[in-house]
Amino acid sequence: MNKPNPEFDSLLPPLALNRRGFLTTSLAGGFTLAAGPIMAQTVITTSVEGLDAGEVKIPVADGTIPAYRAAPAGKTNLGTVLVVQEIFGVHEHMKDVCRRFAKLGYLAIAPELYARQGDPSKYTENTKLFAEVVNKVPDAQVMSDLDATAKWAAANGGDPKRLAITGFCWGGRIVWLYSAHNPNLKAGVAWYGRMVGDKDPMKPTQPVELTEKMSAPVLGLYGGEDVGIPVSTIDTMKAALEKGSAAAKASTFIVYPKAPHAFHADYRPSYRETEAKDGWNQMQAWFKKYL
């Protein structure tokens, strides 16, 4: 049995302490049902040939969480990319994103950040997934787990001096937060993550409030037709970045006017091939610039 960690517990809101234990101990196969119908004709599948790829266990403050990692086989001192999941957890799309990074020469790793709260692959309805899992994940827990993941990567072929992060949807917001959390981070790319919004015990601070603490520049990739993230909130974040740290001032946005939310998710109807490919290329250039 894992012993409680007082230092870790002090980071978490009281509601989180009632959920001691891990409900997800291994990654699910395939896609999360709540994501809706799979668009098989557009799903990108990246081969594992030439890669070390598969599930690993990450030691965290109060136990272990599962993660998917991919890296060029036999290589070390690799630039590391933390891949932060959509609301649907680390399912096949997130795993494939890791393999795409590995083909580019990175060590990419996606930790299952809902491991204590529940298994997103078991849900068929978004509303239940949000209420029973997503909304119960504390930001402090996520920051701690990402720190642990970065530590694991540094001990398993990654170069701790070349650490980056990217995330999608729910994970896009986490990218902004992590830039203000980890002083060793070199760069981030946020795909359509919220920057402005209500606060609660799980989310006591929003990214727009943290620009003075940012230590890594972030490239924001957003859709102009994202009904959940109005362009006005991007403008609000831009104004905050201009008053922030040097890394905040170096951050920038690319807004694709006709793209909806989740335009990179090639397995969903929201996928927009042109914008997704351009965003991927822009991300590569961003990481090459800073790593």
Foldseek 3Di string as FASTA:
>chain_A
DWDDDVVLVVLADPLLVVLPDFADAEADEAFAQQQDAFPVVQDDAADLVQKDWDKDWFQFRGGIFIKIKIAGPPAAQFQEEEEEEALQFCYDNVRRVRNVVRVVGHIYMYTGQQGSQHHSSPDNHPVCSCVRTVVSRALSSVLRRVVRVLVVNVVPRYNLQRYEYEYAACGLQNRLVNQLPDLSYFEYEREAYQQDDDADSRRNDGSLVRQQRGNYAYEYEEECAAPVHHVVRVVSSLVSLCVHDPSSVVHYYDYHHHAYGPCLVRGHPSHDVVSNVVSVVVVVVRSVVGD
